[in-house]
N, C-alpha and C. Protein backbone atom coordinates (compact mmCIF):
# COMPACT_ATOMS: atom_id res chain seq x y z
N MET A 1 0.85 -1.17 0.00
CA MET A 1 0.00 0.00 0.00
C MET A 1 0.90 1.23 0.00
N LYS A 2 0.76 2.02 -1.02
CA LYS A 2 1.65 3.16 -1.20
C LYS A 2 1.25 4.36 -0.34
N ASP A 3 -0.03 4.58 -0.14
CA ASP A 3 -0.52 5.75 0.59
C ASP A 3 -0.99 5.37 1.99
N TRP A 4 -0.22 4.59 2.71
CA TRP A 4 -0.64 4.09 4.00
C TRP A 4 -0.75 5.20 5.04
N LYS A 5 0.03 6.27 4.90
CA LYS A 5 -0.01 7.34 5.91
C LYS A 5 -1.34 8.09 5.85
N THR A 6 -1.79 8.41 4.66
CA THR A 6 -3.07 9.12 4.55
C THR A 6 -4.23 8.21 4.95
N THR A 7 -4.15 6.93 4.59
CA THR A 7 -5.21 6.00 4.95
C THR A 7 -5.29 5.83 6.46
N THR A 8 -4.15 5.68 7.12
CA THR A 8 -4.13 5.49 8.56
C THR A 8 -4.66 6.72 9.29
N SER A 9 -4.22 7.89 8.88
CA SER A 9 -4.70 9.10 9.55
C SER A 9 -6.19 9.32 9.31
N ALA A 10 -6.69 8.96 8.14
CA ALA A 10 -8.13 9.11 7.85
C ALA A 10 -8.95 8.13 8.68
N ILE A 11 -8.49 6.89 8.83
CA ILE A 11 -9.23 5.91 9.63
C ILE A 11 -9.25 6.30 11.10
N LEU A 12 -8.11 6.73 11.62
CA LEU A 12 -8.07 7.15 13.02
C LEU A 12 -8.95 8.38 13.27
N THR A 13 -8.93 9.32 12.35
CA THR A 13 -9.76 10.51 12.49
C THR A 13 -11.24 10.14 12.42
N ALA A 14 -11.59 9.20 11.57
CA ALA A 14 -12.99 8.76 11.47
C ALA A 14 -13.42 8.08 12.77
N PHE A 15 -12.55 7.27 13.37
CA PHE A 15 -12.89 6.63 14.64
C PHE A 15 -13.09 7.67 15.74
N PHE A 16 -12.17 8.62 15.84
CA PHE A 16 -12.31 9.64 16.87
C PHE A 16 -13.52 10.53 16.61
N GLY A 17 -13.87 10.72 15.36
CA GLY A 17 -15.09 11.45 15.03
C GLY A 17 -16.32 10.71 15.52
N PHE A 18 -16.31 9.38 15.39
CA PHE A 18 -17.41 8.57 15.91
C PHE A 18 -17.51 8.71 17.42
N VAL A 19 -16.36 8.71 18.09
CA VAL A 19 -16.35 8.88 19.55
C VAL A 19 -16.97 10.22 19.92
N LEU A 20 -16.62 11.26 19.17
CA LEU A 20 -17.16 12.59 19.47
C LEU A 20 -18.66 12.71 19.16
N LEU A 21 -19.12 11.99 18.16
CA LEU A 21 -20.54 12.06 17.81
C LEU A 21 -21.40 11.16 18.69
N SER A 22 -20.80 10.16 19.33
CA SER A 22 -21.55 9.24 20.20
C SER A 22 -20.88 9.13 21.56
N PRO A 23 -20.83 10.20 22.32
CA PRO A 23 -20.09 10.17 23.59
C PRO A 23 -20.74 9.30 24.66
N GLN A 24 -22.01 8.95 24.50
CA GLN A 24 -22.67 8.15 25.51
C GLN A 24 -22.11 6.72 25.59
N TYR A 25 -21.41 6.26 24.57
CA TYR A 25 -20.86 4.91 24.56
C TYR A 25 -19.45 4.83 25.15
N PHE A 26 -18.85 5.95 25.49
CA PHE A 26 -17.46 5.99 25.92
C PHE A 26 -17.31 6.74 27.23
N TYR A 27 -16.20 6.47 27.92
CA TYR A 27 -15.90 7.20 29.15
C TYR A 27 -15.59 8.67 28.82
N PRO A 28 -15.88 9.59 29.72
CA PRO A 28 -15.64 11.01 29.46
C PRO A 28 -14.18 11.34 29.14
N VAL A 29 -13.25 10.61 29.75
CA VAL A 29 -11.82 10.86 29.48
C VAL A 29 -11.50 10.52 28.02
N ILE A 30 -12.07 9.44 27.53
CA ILE A 30 -11.82 9.03 26.13
C ILE A 30 -12.41 10.07 25.17
N VAL A 31 -13.55 10.62 25.52
CA VAL A 31 -14.17 11.65 24.67
C VAL A 31 -13.30 12.90 24.63
N ASP A 32 -12.74 13.28 25.77
CA ASP A 32 -11.85 14.45 25.81
C ASP A 32 -10.60 14.22 24.97
N VAL A 33 -10.01 13.04 25.09
CA VAL A 33 -8.80 12.72 24.31
C VAL A 33 -9.14 12.65 22.82
N ALA A 34 -10.32 12.15 22.50
CA ALA A 34 -10.73 12.03 21.09
C ALA A 34 -10.82 13.39 20.41
N GLY A 35 -11.18 14.42 21.16
CA GLY A 35 -11.24 15.76 20.58
C GLY A 35 -9.88 16.22 20.10
N TYR A 36 -8.87 16.03 20.94
CA TYR A 36 -7.51 16.41 20.56
C TYR A 36 -6.95 15.49 19.48
N ALA A 37 -7.26 14.21 19.58
CA ALA A 37 -6.75 13.26 18.59
C ALA A 37 -7.37 13.50 17.21
N ALA A 38 -8.63 13.90 17.17
CA ALA A 38 -9.28 14.19 15.88
C ALA A 38 -8.63 15.40 15.22
N ILE A 39 -8.32 16.41 16.01
CA ILE A 39 -7.64 17.58 15.45
C ILE A 39 -6.26 17.17 14.91
N GLY A 40 -5.54 16.37 15.69
CA GLY A 40 -4.24 15.88 15.23
C GLY A 40 -4.35 15.02 13.99
N GLY A 41 -5.42 14.24 13.89
CA GLY A 41 -5.64 13.41 12.71
C GLY A 41 -5.87 14.24 11.46
N PHE A 42 -6.62 15.33 11.60
CA PHE A 42 -6.84 16.22 10.46
C PHE A 42 -5.52 16.88 10.03
N ILE A 43 -4.72 17.27 10.99
CA ILE A 43 -3.43 17.88 10.67
C ILE A 43 -2.53 16.87 9.98
N ALA A 44 -2.47 15.65 10.52
CA ALA A 44 -1.63 14.60 9.91
C ALA A 44 -2.11 14.27 8.51
N PHE A 45 -3.42 14.21 8.32
CA PHE A 45 -3.96 13.94 6.99
C PHE A 45 -3.56 15.02 6.00
N GLY A 46 -3.64 16.27 6.43
CA GLY A 46 -3.25 17.38 5.56
C GLY A 46 -1.78 17.36 5.21
N ILE A 47 -0.93 17.06 6.19
CA ILE A 47 0.51 17.01 5.92
C ILE A 47 0.83 15.85 4.98
N ASN A 48 0.24 14.69 5.23
CA ASN A 48 0.52 13.54 4.37
C ASN A 48 -0.04 13.73 2.96
N ALA A 49 -1.18 14.37 2.85
CA ALA A 49 -1.74 14.64 1.52
C ALA A 49 -0.87 15.64 0.77
N ALA A 50 -0.31 16.62 1.48
CA ALA A 50 0.57 17.59 0.84
C ALA A 50 1.84 16.92 0.35
N ASP A 51 2.38 15.97 1.12
CA ASP A 51 3.56 15.22 0.69
C ASP A 51 3.25 14.42 -0.57
N HIS A 52 2.09 13.81 -0.62
CA HIS A 52 1.71 13.02 -1.79
C HIS A 52 1.57 13.92 -3.01
N ARG A 53 0.97 15.05 -2.85
CA ARG A 53 0.80 15.98 -3.97
C ARG A 53 2.13 16.49 -4.47
N ARG A 54 3.09 16.67 -3.60
CA ARG A 54 4.43 17.14 -3.99
C ARG A 54 5.07 16.16 -4.97
N SER A 55 4.89 14.86 -4.76
CA SER A 55 5.49 13.89 -5.66
C SER A 55 4.86 13.96 -7.05
N LEU A 56 3.61 14.38 -7.13
CA LEU A 56 2.98 14.51 -8.44
C LEU A 56 3.55 15.70 -9.20
N LEU A 57 3.97 16.73 -8.48
CA LEU A 57 4.52 17.91 -9.14
C LEU A 57 5.92 17.68 -9.68
N ASP A 58 6.61 16.68 -9.16
CA ASP A 58 7.98 16.42 -9.58
C ASP A 58 8.06 15.44 -10.76
N ARG A 59 6.99 15.23 -11.46
CA ARG A 59 6.99 14.32 -12.60
C ARG A 59 7.73 14.96 -13.77
N PRO A 60 8.30 14.15 -14.67
CA PRO A 60 9.10 14.69 -15.78
C PRO A 60 8.32 15.63 -16.68
N TRP A 61 7.05 15.39 -16.88
CA TRP A 61 6.28 16.24 -17.80
C TRP A 61 5.93 17.60 -17.18
N ASN A 62 6.21 17.79 -15.89
CA ASN A 62 5.98 19.09 -15.26
C ASN A 62 7.24 19.95 -15.20
N LYS A 63 8.32 19.47 -15.71
CA LYS A 63 9.58 20.23 -15.68
C LYS A 63 9.52 21.37 -16.71
N ASP A 64 10.13 22.48 -16.35
CA ASP A 64 10.24 23.60 -17.29
C ASP A 64 11.27 23.26 -18.36
N GLU A 65 10.92 23.58 -19.58
CA GLU A 65 11.85 23.27 -20.67
C GLU A 65 12.48 24.50 -21.22
């Protein structure tokens, strides 16, 4: 799997989003941690997506001639 970093951060963010949307199923401490972890997951997803996009810009057909 080539894009494992974006996939992992998206899955973790989705899980923490579920925790935030359904807090009645979890302990209050887990809900509090999920808020911070979801924000971190969005940041990680953005950084990893930016890294992936950078590799697309370095293709031979994008070079200035």
